[in-house]
Amino acid sequence: MTAMRDLTAIPPRQIWDGVLARLVEGTGLTLAVVEIEPGRRVPEHTHPNEQLGFVIQGSVTFTIGSETRTLGPGGSWQISPNIPHHVDVGPNGAIVAEAYAPPRTDWTNLNPLDTAVPRWPR
């Protein structure tokens, strides 16, 4: 296996309805480029991973614990483990980059989709 890949060569995994992620996986970290359809909601959830991320394209309204904020390109977040959070996506959808430590093994176990689905970037 090579240490370098083109992001478009990584088949996406469907995380939720309307939410696709391409995973770059290491031994201690998962990096995900996530494409979210316009107007979608990522439901409230928690996980044992620390999560860091930023918006590449579009907009998201994040609620992390009791704080809510709308973020556009360059807006970033940090979510400590086990903190409830959800996301509402703007009318143009969003592409975000996120890092998780430890790795998101629940996402790794999802089957990759057919590579014919829309590719990043749009």
PDB file of N, CA and C in Angstrom:
ATOM      1  N   MET A   1       0.843  -1.186   0.000  1.00  0.00           N
ATOM      2  CA  MET A   1       0.000   0.000   0.000  1.00  0.00           C
ATOM      3  C   MET A   1       0.882   1.241   0.000  1.00  0.00           C
ATOM      4  N   THR A   2       0.501   2.213  -0.808  1.00  0.00           N
ATOM      5  CA  THR A   2       1.265   3.443  -0.889  1.00  0.00           C
ATOM      6  C   THR A   2       0.904   4.395   0.254  1.00  0.00           C
ATOM      7  N   ALA A   3       1.826   5.252   0.606  1.00  0.00           N
ATOM      8  CA  ALA A   3       1.590   6.237   1.665  1.00  0.00           C
ATOM      9  C   ALA A   3       0.844   7.458   1.142  1.00  0.00           C
ATOM     10  N   MET A   4       0.668   7.568  -0.193  1.00  0.00           N
ATOM     11  CA  MET A   4       0.020   8.742  -0.778  1.00  0.00           C
ATOM     12  C   MET A   4      -1.090   8.318  -1.730  1.00  0.00           C
ATOM     13  N   ARG A   5      -2.214   9.034  -1.651  1.00  0.00           N
ATOM     14  CA  ARG A   5      -3.353   8.766  -2.537  1.00  0.00           C
ATOM     15  C   ARG A   5      -4.018  10.081  -2.899  1.00  0.00           C
ATOM     16  N   ASP A   6      -4.677  10.095  -4.031  1.00  0.00           N
ATOM     17  CA  ASP A   6      -5.493  11.237  -4.415  1.00  0.00           C
ATOM     18  C   ASP A   6      -6.851  11.091  -3.738  1.00  0.00           C
ATOM     19  N   LEU A   7      -7.364  12.169  -3.177  1.00  0.00           N
ATOM     20  CA  LEU A   7      -8.626  12.116  -2.448  1.00  0.00           C
ATOM     21  C   LEU A   7      -9.762  11.577  -3.314  1.00  0.00           C
ATOM     22  N   THR A   8      -9.771  11.921  -4.601  1.00  0.00           N
ATOM     23  CA  THR A   8     -10.839  11.454  -5.473  1.00  0.00           C
ATOM     24  C   THR A   8     -10.764   9.952  -5.730  1.00  0.00           C
ATOM     25  N   ALA A   9      -9.642   9.319  -5.413  1.00  0.00           N
ATOM     26  CA  ALA A   9      -9.504   7.871  -5.588  1.00  0.00           C
ATOM     27  C   ALA A   9     -10.028   7.098  -4.376  1.00  0.00           C
ATOM     28  N   ILE A  10     -10.370   7.804  -3.316  1.00  0.00           N
ATOM     29  CA  ILE A  10     -10.873   7.155  -2.098  1.00  0.00           C
ATOM     30  C   ILE A  10     -12.394   7.072  -2.188  1.00  0.00           C
ATOM     31  N   PRO A  11     -12.956   5.866  -2.242  1.00  0.00           N
ATOM     32  CA  PRO A  11     -14.418   5.774  -2.320  1.00  0.00           C
ATOM     33  C   PRO A  11     -15.064   6.280  -1.035  1.00  0.00           C
ATOM     34  N   PRO A  12     -16.155   7.033  -1.164  1.00  0.00           N
ATOM     35  CA  PRO A  12     -16.820   7.553   0.028  1.00  0.00           C
ATOM     36  C   PRO A  12     -17.599   6.475   0.761  1.00  0.00           C
ATOM     37  N   ARG A  13     -17.901   6.773   2.002  1.00  0.00           N
ATOM     38  CA  ARG A  13     -18.758   5.916   2.834  1.00  0.00           C
ATOM     39  C   ARG A  13     -19.953   6.766   3.252  1.00  0.00           C
ATOM     40  N   GLN A  14     -21.128   6.181   3.233  1.00  0.00           N
ATOM     41  CA  GLN A  14     -22.319   6.910   3.666  1.00  0.00           C
ATOM     42  C   GLN A  14     -22.402   6.834   5.177  1.00  0.00           C
ATOM     43  N   ILE A  15     -22.283   8.002   5.815  1.00  0.00           N
ATOM     44  CA  ILE A  15     -22.301   8.078   7.274  1.00  0.00           C
ATOM     45  C   ILE A  15     -23.740   8.209   7.766  1.00  0.00           C
ATOM     46  N   TRP A  16     -24.500   9.126   7.183  1.00  0.00           N
ATOM     47  CA  TRP A  16     -25.931   9.305   7.400  1.00  0.00           C
ATOM     48  C   TRP A  16     -26.539   9.586   6.036  1.00  0.00           C
ATOM     49  N   ASP A  17     -27.854   9.649   5.965  1.00  0.00           N
ATOM     50  CA  ASP A  17     -28.514   9.987   4.721  1.00  0.00           C
ATOM     51  C   ASP A  17     -28.063  11.383   4.286  1.00  0.00           C
ATOM     52  N   GLY A  18     -27.523  11.491   3.074  1.00  0.00           N
ATOM     53  CA  GLY A  18     -27.057  12.776   2.567  1.00  0.00           C
ATOM     54  C   GLY A  18     -25.701  13.210   3.068  1.00  0.00           C
ATOM     55  N   VAL A  19     -24.987  12.312   3.749  1.00  0.00           N
ATOM     56  CA  VAL A  19     -23.668  12.636   4.318  1.00  0.00           C
ATOM     57  C   VAL A  19     -22.663  11.568   3.883  1.00  0.00           C
ATOM     58  N   LEU A  20     -21.680  11.980   3.067  1.00  0.00           N
ATOM     59  CA  LEU A  20     -20.638  11.070   2.591  1.00  0.00           C
ATOM     60  C   LEU A  20     -19.292  11.507   3.134  1.00  0.00           C
ATOM     61  N   ALA A  21     -18.440  10.535   3.469  1.00  0.00           N
ATOM     62  CA  ALA A  21     -17.105  10.851   3.976  1.00  0.00           C
ATOM     63  C   ALA A  21     -16.058  10.024   3.253  1.00  0.00           C
ATOM     64  N   ARG A  22     -14.966  10.661   2.899  1.00  0.00           N
ATOM     65  CA  ARG A  22     -13.779   9.979   2.361  1.00  0.00           C
ATOM     66  C   ARG A  22     -12.749   9.972   3.484  1.00  0.00           C
ATOM     67  N   LEU A  23     -12.273   8.791   3.821  1.00  0.00           N
ATOM     68  CA  LEU A  23     -11.412   8.624   4.994  1.00  0.00           C
ATOM     69  C   LEU A  23      -9.955   8.440   4.608  1.00  0.00           C
ATOM     70  N   VAL A  24      -9.103   9.203   5.262  1.00  0.00           N
ATOM     71  CA  VAL A  24      -7.660   8.993   5.209  1.00  0.00           C
ATOM     72  C   VAL A  24      -7.306   8.511   6.609  1.00  0.00           C
ATOM     73  N   GLU A  25      -6.896   7.246   6.700  1.00  0.00           N
ATOM     74  CA  GLU A  25      -6.770   6.611   8.009  1.00  0.00           C
ATOM     75  C   GLU A  25      -5.319   6.363   8.396  1.00  0.00           C
ATOM     76  N   GLY A  26      -5.014   6.693   9.638  1.00  0.00           N
ATOM     77  CA  GLY A  26      -3.719   6.402  10.214  1.00  0.00           C
ATOM     78  C   GLY A  26      -3.891   5.476  11.400  1.00  0.00           C
ATOM     79  N   THR A  27      -2.813   5.202  12.101  1.00  0.00           N
ATOM     80  CA  THR A  27      -2.898   4.306  13.251  1.00  0.00           C
ATOM     81  C   THR A  27      -3.503   4.984  14.467  1.00  0.00           C
ATOM     82  N   GLY A  28      -3.377   6.312  14.580  1.00  0.00           N
ATOM     83  CA  GLY A  28      -3.903   7.001  15.748  1.00  0.00           C
ATOM     84  C   GLY A  28      -4.899   8.096  15.429  1.00  0.00           C
ATOM     85  N   LEU A  29      -5.282   8.229  14.139  1.00  0.00           N
ATOM     86  CA  LEU A  29      -6.086   9.368  13.713  1.00  0.00           C
ATOM     87  C   LEU A  29      -6.869   8.995  12.465  1.00  0.00           C
ATOM     88  N   THR A  30      -8.095   9.519  12.359  1.00  0.00           N
ATOM     89  CA  THR A  30      -8.859   9.460  11.113  1.00  0.00           C
ATOM     90  C   THR A  30      -9.043  10.885  10.626  1.00  0.00           C
ATOM     91  N   LEU A  31      -8.717  11.126   9.361  1.00  0.00           N
ATOM     92  CA  LEU A  31      -9.007  12.386   8.695  1.00  0.00           C
ATOM     93  C   LEU A  31     -10.153  12.108   7.731  1.00  0.00           C
ATOM     94  N   ALA A  32     -11.184  12.938   7.746  1.00  0.00           N
ATOM     95  CA  ALA A  32     -12.337  12.739   6.877  1.00  0.00           C
ATOM     96  C   ALA A  32     -12.645  14.026   6.125  1.00  0.00           C
ATOM     97  N   VAL A  33     -12.881  13.891   4.824  1.00  0.00           N
ATOM     98  CA  VAL A  33     -13.442  14.974   4.034  1.00  0.00           C
ATOM     99  C   VAL A  33     -14.895  14.589   3.828  1.00  0.00           C
ATOM    100  N   VAL A  34     -15.799  15.415   4.375  1.00  0.00           N
ATOM    101  CA  VAL A  34     -17.214  15.074   4.456  1.00  0.00           C
ATOM    102  C   VAL A  34     -18.019  15.998   3.545  1.00  0.00           C
ATOM    103  N   GLU A  35     -18.830  15.396   2.685  1.00  0.00           N
ATOM    104  CA  GLU A  35     -19.722  16.126   1.777  1.00  0.00           C
ATOM    105  C   GLU A  35     -21.142  15.969   2.306  1.00  0.00           C
ATOM    106  N   ILE A  36     -21.825  17.109   2.513  1.00  0.00           N
ATOM    107  CA  ILE A  36     -23.167  17.068   3.089  1.00  0.00           C
ATOM    108  C   ILE A  36     -24.127  17.806   2.161  1.00  0.00           C
ATOM    109  N   GLU A  37     -25.225  17.149   1.831  1.00  0.00           N
ATOM    110  CA  GLU A  37     -26.214  17.728   0.931  1.00  0.00           C
ATOM    111  C   GLU A  37     -26.884  18.945   1.560  1.00  0.00           C
ATOM    112  N   PRO A  38     -27.372  19.871   0.721  1.00  0.00           N
ATOM    113  CA  PRO A  38     -28.051  21.071   1.229  1.00  0.00           C
ATOM    114  C   PRO A  38     -29.215  20.731   2.154  1.00  0.00           C
ATOM    115  N   GLY A  39     -29.344  21.530   3.217  1.00  0.00           N
ATOM    116  CA  GLY A  39     -30.475  21.424   4.126  1.00  0.00           C
ATOM    117  C   GLY A  39     -30.506  20.201   5.021  1.00  0.00           C
ATOM    118  N   ARG A  40     -29.485  19.389   5.009  1.00  0.00           N
ATOM    119  CA  ARG A  40     -29.461  18.169   5.843  1.00  0.00           C
ATOM    120  C   ARG A  40     -29.169  18.510   7.287  1.00  0.00           C
ATOM    121  N   ARG A  41     -29.580  17.595   8.157  1.00  0.00           N
ATOM    122  CA  ARG A  41     -29.217  17.682   9.568  1.00  0.00           C
ATOM    123  C   ARG A  41     -28.437  16.425   9.914  1.00  0.00           C
ATOM    124  N   VAL A  42     -27.262  16.624  10.482  1.00  0.00           N
ATOM    125  CA  VAL A  42     -26.535  15.513  11.103  1.00  0.00           C
ATOM    126  C   VAL A  42     -27.117  15.420  12.504  1.00  0.00           C
ATOM    127  N   PRO A  43     -27.769  14.294  12.831  1.00  0.00           N
ATOM    128  CA  PRO A  43     -28.494  14.214  14.104  1.00  0.00           C
ATOM    129  C   PRO A  43     -27.572  14.337  15.314  1.00  0.00           C
ATOM    130  N   GLU A  44     -28.172  14.748  16.432  1.00  0.00           N
ATOM    131  CA  GLU A  44     -27.385  14.844  17.661  1.00  0.00           C
ATOM    132  C   GLU A  44     -26.792  13.474  17.995  1.00  0.00           C
ATOM    133  N   HIS A  45     -25.531  13.489  18.368  1.00  0.00           N
ATOM    134  CA  HIS A  45     -24.836  12.251  18.718  1.00  0.00           C
ATOM    135  C   HIS A  45     -23.620  12.587  19.577  1.00  0.00           C
ATOM    136  N   THR A  46     -23.016  11.577  20.109  1.00  0.00           N
ATOM    137  CA  THR A  46     -21.747  11.697  20.838  1.00  0.00           C
ATOM    138  C   THR A  46     -20.844  10.565  20.367  1.00  0.00           C
ATOM    139  N   HIS A  47     -19.570  10.698  20.630  1.00  0.00           N
ATOM    140  CA  HIS A  47     -18.609   9.632  20.348  1.00  0.00           C
ATOM    141  C   HIS A  47     -17.394   9.824  21.246  1.00  0.00           C
ATOM    142  N   PRO A  48     -16.620   8.777  21.446  1.00  0.00           N
ATOM    143  CA  PRO A  48     -15.475   8.862  22.362  1.00  0.00           C
ATOM    144  C   PRO A  48     -14.248   9.540  21.750  1.00  0.00           C
ATOM    145  N   ASN A  49     -14.372   9.999  20.494  1.00  0.00           N
ATOM    146  CA  ASN A  49     -13.248  10.608  19.786  1.00  0.00           C
ATOM    147  C   ASN A  49     -13.243  12.115  19.989  1.00  0.00           C
ATOM    148  N   GLU A  50     -12.066  12.711  20.134  1.00  0.00           N
ATOM    149  CA  GLU A  50     -11.953  14.158  20.003  1.00  0.00           C
ATOM    150  C   GLU A  50     -12.135  14.469  18.524  1.00  0.00           C
ATOM    151  N   GLN A  51     -12.794  15.581  18.208  1.00  0.00           N
ATOM    152  CA  GLN A  51     -13.087  15.948  16.822  1.00  0.00           C
ATOM    153  C   GLN A  51     -12.658  17.381  16.580  1.00  0.00           C
ATOM    154  N   LEU A  52     -11.856  17.582  15.550  1.00  0.00           N
ATOM    155  CA  LEU A  52     -11.453  18.914  15.110  1.00  0.00           C
ATOM    156  C   LEU A  52     -11.866  19.052  13.656  1.00  0.00           C
ATOM    157  N   GLY A  53     -12.312  20.224  13.242  1.00  0.00           N
ATOM    158  CA  GLY A  53     -12.704  20.366  11.849  1.00  0.00           C
ATOM    159  C   GLY A  53     -12.781  21.803  11.403  1.00  0.00           C
ATOM    160  N   PHE A  54     -12.973  21.962  10.075  1.00  0.00           N
ATOM    161  CA  PHE A  54     -13.176  23.281   9.490  1.00  0.00           C
ATOM    162  C   PHE A  54     -13.969  23.149   8.198  1.00  0.00           C
ATOM    163  N   VAL A  55     -14.644  24.233   7.831  1.00  0.00           N
ATOM    164  CA  VAL A  55     -15.454  24.283   6.621  1.00  0.00           C
ATOM    165  C   VAL A  55     -14.555  24.621   5.438  1.00  0.00           C
ATOM    166  N   ILE A  56     -14.678  23.831   4.380  1.00  0.00           N
ATOM    167  CA  ILE A  56     -13.983  24.106   3.123  1.00  0.00           C
ATOM    168  C   ILE A  56     -14.891  24.899   2.195  1.00  0.00           C
ATOM    169  N   GLN A  57     -16.158  24.466   2.107  1.00  0.00           N
ATOM    170  CA  GLN A  57     -17.110  25.064   1.165  1.00  0.00           C
ATOM    171  C   GLN A  57     -18.503  25.007   1.782  1.00  0.00           C
ATOM    172  N   GLY A  58     -19.328  26.018   1.529  1.00  0.00           N
ATOM    173  CA  GLY A  58     -20.692  26.022   2.031  1.00  0.00           C
ATOM    174  C   GLY A  58     -20.768  26.564   3.451  1.00  0.00           C
ATOM    175  N   SER A  59     -21.833  26.148   4.159  1.00  0.00           N
ATOM    176  CA  SER A  59     -22.002  26.613   5.535  1.00  0.00           C
ATOM    177  C   SER A  59     -22.679  25.539   6.371  1.00  0.00           C
ATOM    178  N   VAL A  60     -22.386  25.586   7.661  1.00  0.00           N
ATOM    179  CA  VAL A  60     -22.976  24.677   8.638  1.00  0.00           C
ATOM    180  C   VAL A  60     -23.321  25.475   9.887  1.00  0.00           C
ATOM    181  N   THR A  61     -24.383  25.061  10.563  1.00  0.00           N
ATOM    182  CA  THR A  61     -24.695  25.615  11.881  1.00  0.00           C
ATOM    183  C   THR A  61     -24.478  24.483  12.868  1.00  0.00           C
ATOM    184  N   PHE A  62     -23.444  24.621  13.662  1.00  0.00           N
ATOM    185  CA  PHE A  62     -23.059  23.599  14.637  1.00  0.00           C
ATOM    186  C   PHE A  62     -23.671  23.941  15.984  1.00  0.00           C
ATOM    187  N   THR A  63     -24.192  22.932  16.664  1.00  0.00           N
ATOM    188  CA  THR A  63     -24.533  23.046  18.070  1.00  0.00           C
ATOM    189  C   THR A  63     -23.669  22.045  18.808  1.00  0.00           C
ATOM    190  N   ILE A  64     -22.812  22.566  19.675  1.00  0.00           N
ATOM    191  CA  ILE A  64     -21.891  21.741  20.465  1.00  0.00           C
ATOM    192  C   ILE A  64     -22.196  22.041  21.921  1.00  0.00           C
ATOM    193  N   GLY A  65     -22.729  21.039  22.620  1.00  0.00           N
ATOM    194  CA  GLY A  65     -23.188  21.295  23.979  1.00  0.00           C
ATOM    195  C   GLY A  65     -24.290  22.339  23.926  1.00  0.00           C
ATOM    196  N   SER A  66     -24.097  23.478  24.603  1.00  0.00           N
ATOM    197  CA  SER A  66     -25.112  24.537  24.619  1.00  0.00           C
ATOM    198  C   SER A  66     -24.751  25.702  23.697  1.00  0.00           C
ATOM    199  N   GLU A  67     -23.662  25.603  22.930  1.00  0.00           N
ATOM    200  CA  GLU A  67     -23.226  26.688  22.042  1.00  0.00           C
ATOM    201  C   GLU A  67     -23.628  26.394  20.604  1.00  0.00           C
ATOM    202  N   THR A  68     -24.226  27.382  19.932  1.00  0.00           N
ATOM    203  CA  THR A  68     -24.609  27.256  18.524  1.00  0.00           C
ATOM    204  C   THR A  68     -23.975  28.392  17.739  1.00  0.00           C
ATOM    205  N   ARG A  69     -23.427  28.046  16.575  1.00  0.00           N
ATOM    206  CA  ARG A  69     -22.809  29.066  15.731  1.00  0.00           C
ATOM    207  C   ARG A  69     -22.855  28.621  14.275  1.00  0.00           C
ATOM    208  N   THR A  70     -23.108  29.575  13.365  1.00  0.00           N
ATOM    209  CA  THR A  70     -23.051  29.310  11.929  1.00  0.00           C
ATOM    210  C   THR A  70     -21.642  29.604  11.444  1.00  0.00           C
ATOM    211  N   LEU A  71     -21.098  28.658  10.671  1.00  0.00           N
ATOM    212  CA  LEU A  71     -19.720  28.743  10.188  1.00  0.00           C
ATOM    213  C   LEU A  71     -19.684  28.614   8.678  1.00  0.00           C
ATOM    214  N   GLY A  72     -18.875  29.454   8.038  1.00  0.00           N
ATOM    215  CA  GLY A  72     -18.625  29.369   6.605  1.00  0.00           C
ATOM    216  C   GLY A  72     -17.200  28.924   6.364  1.00  0.00           C
ATOM    217  N   PRO A  73     -16.726  29.027   5.123  1.00  0.00           N
ATOM    218  CA  PRO A  73     -15.366  28.591   4.810  1.00  0.00           C
ATOM    219  C   PRO A  73     -14.333  29.187   5.773  1.00  0.00           C
ATOM    220  N   GLY A  74     -13.522  28.322   6.337  1.00  0.00           N
ATOM    221  CA  GLY A  74     -12.506  28.716   7.306  1.00  0.00           C
ATOM    222  C   GLY A  74     -12.971  28.627   8.748  1.00  0.00           C
ATOM    223  N   GLY A  75     -14.281  28.541   8.980  1.00  0.00           N
ATOM    224  CA  GLY A  75     -14.786  28.382  10.350  1.00  0.00           C
ATOM    225  C   GLY A  75     -14.386  27.021  10.886  1.00  0.00           C
ATOM    226  N   SER A  76     -14.016  26.957  12.158  1.00  0.00           N
ATOM    227  CA  SER A  76     -13.499  25.706  12.716  1.00  0.00           C
ATOM    228  C   SER A  76     -14.191  25.351  14.022  1.00  0.00           C
ATOM    229  N   TRP A  77     -14.005  24.098  14.454  1.00  0.00           N
ATOM    230  CA  TRP A  77     -14.584  23.608  15.703  1.00  0.00           C
ATOM    231  C   TRP A  77     -13.665  22.598  16.365  1.00  0.00           C
ATOM    232  N   GLN A  78     -13.873  22.461  17.666  1.00  0.00           N
ATOM    233  CA  GLN A  78     -13.200  21.459  18.489  1.00  0.00           C
ATOM    234  C   GLN A  78     -14.257  20.871  19.387  1.00  0.00           C
ATOM    235  N   ILE A  79     -14.414  19.546  19.337  1.00  0.00           N
ATOM    236  CA  ILE A  79     -15.405  18.865  20.154  1.00  0.00           C
ATOM    237  C   ILE A  79     -14.682  17.839  21.019  1.00  0.00           C
ATOM    238  N   SER A  80     -14.784  18.006  22.314  1.00  0.00           N
ATOM    239  CA  SER A  80     -14.181  17.049  23.234  1.00  0.00           C
ATOM    240  C   SER A  80     -14.951  15.731  23.192  1.00  0.00           C
ATOM    241  N   PRO A  81     -14.336  14.640  23.606  1.00  0.00           N
ATOM    242  CA  PRO A  81     -15.038  13.349  23.607  1.00  0.00           C
ATOM    243  C   PRO A  81     -16.342  13.401  24.402  1.00  0.00           C
ATOM    244  N   ASN A  82     -17.342  12.694  23.899  1.00  0.00           N
ATOM    245  CA  ASN A  82     -18.629  12.473  24.569  1.00  0.00           C
ATOM    246  C   ASN A  82     -19.484  13.721  24.780  1.00  0.00           C
ATOM    247  N   ILE A  83     -19.224  14.794  24.027  1.00  0.00           N
ATOM    248  CA  ILE A  83     -20.044  16.005  24.103  1.00  0.00           C
ATOM    249  C   ILE A  83     -21.130  15.915  23.021  1.00  0.00           C
ATOM    250  N   PRO A  84     -22.406  16.068  23.392  1.00  0.00           N
ATOM    251  CA  PRO A  84     -23.481  16.022  22.380  1.00  0.00           C
ATOM    252  C   PRO A  84     -23.321  17.160  21.371  1.00  0.00           C
ATOM    253  N   HIS A  85     -23.561  16.841  20.104  1.00  0.00           N
ATOM    254  CA  HIS A  85     -23.481  17.849  19.052  1.00  0.00           C
ATOM    255  C   HIS A  85     -24.325  17.428  17.855  1.00  0.00           C
ATOM    256  N   HIS A  86     -24.767  18.431  17.096  1.00  0.00           N
ATOM    257  CA  HIS A  86     -25.451  18.181  15.830  1.00  0.00           C
ATOM    258  C   HIS A  86     -25.143  19.330  14.880  1.00  0.00           C
ATOM    259  N   VAL A  87     -25.461  19.117  13.594  1.00  0.00           N
ATOM    260  CA  VAL A  87     -25.131  20.090  12.558  1.00  0.00           C
ATOM    261  C   VAL A  87     -26.322  20.259  11.631  1.00  0.00           C
ATOM    262  N   ASP A  88     -26.656  21.507  11.309  1.00  0.00           N
ATOM    263  CA  ASP A  88     -27.621  21.832  10.269  1.00  0.00           C
ATOM    264  C   ASP A  88     -26.831  22.456   9.118  1.00  0.00           C
ATOM    265  N   VAL A  89     -27.064  21.936   7.920  1.00  0.00           N
ATOM    266  CA  VAL A  89     -26.284  22.354   6.755  1.00  0.00           C
ATOM    267  C   VAL A  89     -27.049  23.411   5.972  1.00  0.00           C
ATOM    268  N   GLY A  90     -26.312  24.386   5.470  1.00  0.00           N
ATOM    269  CA  GLY A  90     -26.911  25.503   4.743  1.00  0.00           C
ATOM    270  C   GLY A  90     -27.510  25.107   3.403  1.00  0.00           C
ATOM    271  N   PRO A  91     -28.112  26.081   2.702  1.00  0.00           N
ATOM    272  CA  PRO A  91     -28.847  25.816   1.464  1.00  0.00           C
ATOM    273  C   PRO A  91     -27.971  25.383   0.289  1.00  0.00           C
ATOM    274  N   ASN A  92     -26.673  25.592   0.375  1.00  0.00           N
ATOM    275  CA  ASN A  92     -25.769  25.178  -0.704  1.00  0.00           C
ATOM    276  C   ASN A  92     -24.979  23.926  -0.352  1.00  0.00           C
ATOM    277  N   GLY A  93     -25.327  23.263   0.754  1.00  0.00           N
ATOM    278  CA  GLY A  93     -24.568  22.100   1.190  1.00  0.00           C
ATOM    279  C   GLY A  93     -23.249  22.533   1.802  1.00  0.00           C
ATOM    280  N   ALA A  94     -22.402  21.549   2.083  1.00  0.00           N
ATOM    281  CA  ALA A  94     -21.108  21.865   2.695  1.00  0.00           C
ATOM    282  C   ALA A  94     -20.113  20.753   2.425  1.00  0.00           C
ATOM    283  N   ILE A  95     -18.864  21.147   2.377  1.00  0.00           N
ATOM    284  CA  ILE A  95     -17.739  20.213   2.400  1.00  0.00           C
ATOM    285  C   ILE A  95     -16.889  20.642   3.582  1.00  0.00           C
ATOM    286  N   VAL A  96     -16.623  19.705   4.480  1.00  0.00           N
ATOM    287  CA  VAL A  96     -15.823  19.992   5.666  1.00  0.00           C
ATOM    288  C   VAL A  96     -14.696  18.968   5.776  1.00  0.00           C
ATOM    289  N   ALA A  97     -13.648  19.351   6.465  1.00  0.00           N
ATOM    290  CA  ALA A  97     -12.556  18.429   6.795  1.00  0.00           C
ATOM    291  C   ALA A  97     -12.558  18.249   8.296  1.00  0.00           C
ATOM    292  N   GLU A  98     -12.454  16.982   8.737  1.00  0.00           N
ATOM    293  CA  GLU A  98     -12.481  16.697  10.169  1.00  0.00           C
ATOM    294  C   GLU A  98     -11.398  15.680  10.509  1.00  0.00           C
ATOM    295  N   ALA A  99     -10.840  15.827  11.702  1.00  0.00           N
ATOM    296  CA  ALA A  99      -9.873  14.871  12.227  1.00  0.00           C
ATOM    297  C   ALA A  99     -10.419  14.307  13.525  1.00  0.00           C
ATOM    298  N   TYR A 100     -10.235  13.006  13.695  1.00  0.00           N
ATOM    299  CA  TYR A 100     -10.725  12.302  14.884  1.00  0.00           C
ATOM    300  C   TYR A 100      -9.591  11.508  15.514  1.00  0.00           C
ATOM    301  N   ALA A 101      -9.468  11.629  16.832  1.00  0.00           N
ATOM    302  CA  ALA A 101      -8.516  10.806  17.567  1.00  0.00           C
ATOM    303  C   ALA A 101      -9.208  10.314  18.825  1.00  0.00           C
ATOM    304  N   PRO A 102      -9.133   9.034  19.115  1.00  0.00           N
ATOM    305  CA  PRO A 102      -8.565   7.978  18.280  1.00  0.00           C
ATOM    306  C   PRO A 102      -9.383   7.801  16.998  1.00  0.00           C
ATOM    307  N   PRO A 103      -8.928   6.928  16.081  1.00  0.00           N
ATOM    308  CA  PRO A 103      -9.601   6.745  14.799  1.00  0.00           C
ATOM    309  C   PRO A 103     -11.083   6.382  14.940  1.00  0.00           C
ATOM    310  N   ARG A 104     -11.877   6.750  13.919  1.00  0.00           N
ATOM    311  CA  ARG A 104     -13.309   6.440  13.874  1.00  0.00           C
ATOM    312  C   ARG A 104     -13.499   5.027  13.328  1.00  0.00           C
ATOM    313  N   THR A 105     -13.332   4.035  14.168  1.00  0.00           N
ATOM    314  CA  THR A 105     -13.472   2.646  13.708  1.00  0.00           C
ATOM    315  C   THR A 105     -14.912   2.339  13.295  1.00  0.00           C
ATOM    316  N   ASP A 106     -15.901   3.063  13.855  1.00  0.00           N
ATOM    317  CA  ASP A 106     -17.283   2.844  13.426  1.00  0.00           C
ATOM    318  C   ASP A 106     -17.469   3.254  11.966  1.00  0.00           C
ATOM    319  N   TRP A 107     -16.778   4.279  11.502  1.00  0.00           N
ATOM    320  CA  TRP A 107     -16.856   4.686  10.102  1.00  0.00           C
ATOM    321  C   TRP A 107     -16.033   3.753   9.220  1.00  0.00           C
ATOM    322  N   THR A 108     -14.881   3.320   9.709  1.00  0.00           N
ATOM    323  CA  THR A 108     -14.031   2.412   8.943  1.00  0.00           C
ATOM    324  C   THR A 108     -14.777   1.133   8.600  1.00  0.00           C
ATOM    325  N   ASN A 109     -15.653   0.690   9.487  1.00  0.00           N
ATOM    326  CA  ASN A 109     -16.390  -0.559   9.275  1.00  0.00           C
ATOM    327  C   ASN A 109     -17.545  -0.426   8.289  1.00  0.00           C
ATOM    328  N   LEU A 110     -17.873   0.800   7.844  1.00  0.00           N
ATOM    329  CA  LEU A 110     -18.918   0.980   6.839  1.00  0.00           C
ATOM    330  C   LEU A 110     -18.370   0.623   5.461  1.00  0.00           C
ATOM    331  N   ASN A 111     -19.194   0.015   4.628  1.00  0.00           N
ATOM    332  CA  ASN A 111     -18.745  -0.366   3.287  1.00  0.00           C
ATOM    333  C   ASN A 111     -18.582   0.849   2.397  1.00  0.00           C
ATOM    334  N   PRO A 112     -17.471   0.934   1.647  1.00  0.00           N
ATOM    335  CA  PRO A 112     -17.317   2.023   0.680  1.00  0.00           C
ATOM    336  C   PRO A 112     -18.405   1.932  -0.388  1.00  0.00           C
ATOM    337  N   LEU A 113     -18.841   3.087  -0.882  1.00  0.00           N
ATOM    338  CA  LEU A 113     -19.847   3.147  -1.933  1.00  0.00           C
ATOM    339  C   LEU A 113     -19.196   3.020  -3.297  1.00  0.00           C
ATOM    340  N   ASP A 114     -20.018   2.815  -4.295  1.00  0.00           N
ATOM    341  CA  ASP A 114     -19.567   2.814  -5.679  1.00  0.00           C
ATOM    342  C   ASP A 114     -18.890   4.154  -5.957  1.00  0.00           C
ATOM    343  N   THR A 115     -17.755   4.129  -6.606  1.00  0.00           N
ATOM    344  CA  THR A 115     -17.014   5.369  -6.864  1.00  0.00           C
ATOM    345  C   THR A 115     -17.701   6.261  -7.876  1.00  0.00           C
ATOM    346  N   ALA A 116     -18.859   5.854  -8.428  1.00  0.00           N
ATOM    347  CA  ALA A 116     -19.583   6.685  -9.372  1.00  0.00           C
ATOM    348  C   ALA A 116     -20.370   7.801  -8.682  1.00  0.00           C
ATOM    349  N   VAL A 117     -20.439   7.812  -7.354  1.00  0.00           N
ATOM    350  CA  VAL A 117     -21.150   8.886  -6.660  1.00  0.00           C
ATOM    351  C   VAL A 117     -20.386  10.184  -6.832  1.00  0.00           C
ATOM    352  N   PRO A 118     -21.034  11.340  -6.590  1.00  0.00           N
ATOM    353  CA  PRO A 118     -20.339  12.633  -6.780  1.00  0.00           C
ATOM    354  C   PRO A 118     -18.990  12.658  -6.086  1.00  0.00           C
ATOM    355  N   ARG A 119     -18.049  13.285  -6.726  1.00  0.00           N
ATOM    356  CA  ARG A 119     -16.685  13.328  -6.215  1.00  0.00           C
ATOM    357  C   ARG A 119     -16.365  14.721  -5.683  1.00  0.00           C
ATOM    358  N   TRP A 120     -15.509  14.737  -4.701  1.00  0.00           N
ATOM    359  CA  TRP A 120     -15.001  15.992  -4.174  1.00  0.00           C
ATOM    360  C   TRP A 120     -13.858  16.443  -5.061  1.00  0.00           C
ATOM    361  N   PRO A 121     -13.644  17.723  -5.325  1.00  0.00           N
ATOM    362  CA  PRO A 121     -14.599  18.793  -5.045  1.00  0.00           C
ATOM    363  C   PRO A 121     -15.668  18.860  -6.131  1.00  0.00           C
ATOM    364  N   ARG A 122     -16.742  19.513  -5.822  1.00  0.00           N
ATOM    365  CA  ARG A 122     -17.834  19.644  -6.797  1.00  0.00           C
ATOM    366  C   ARG A 122     -17.617  20.851  -7.660  1.00  0.00           C
TER     367      ARG A 122
END
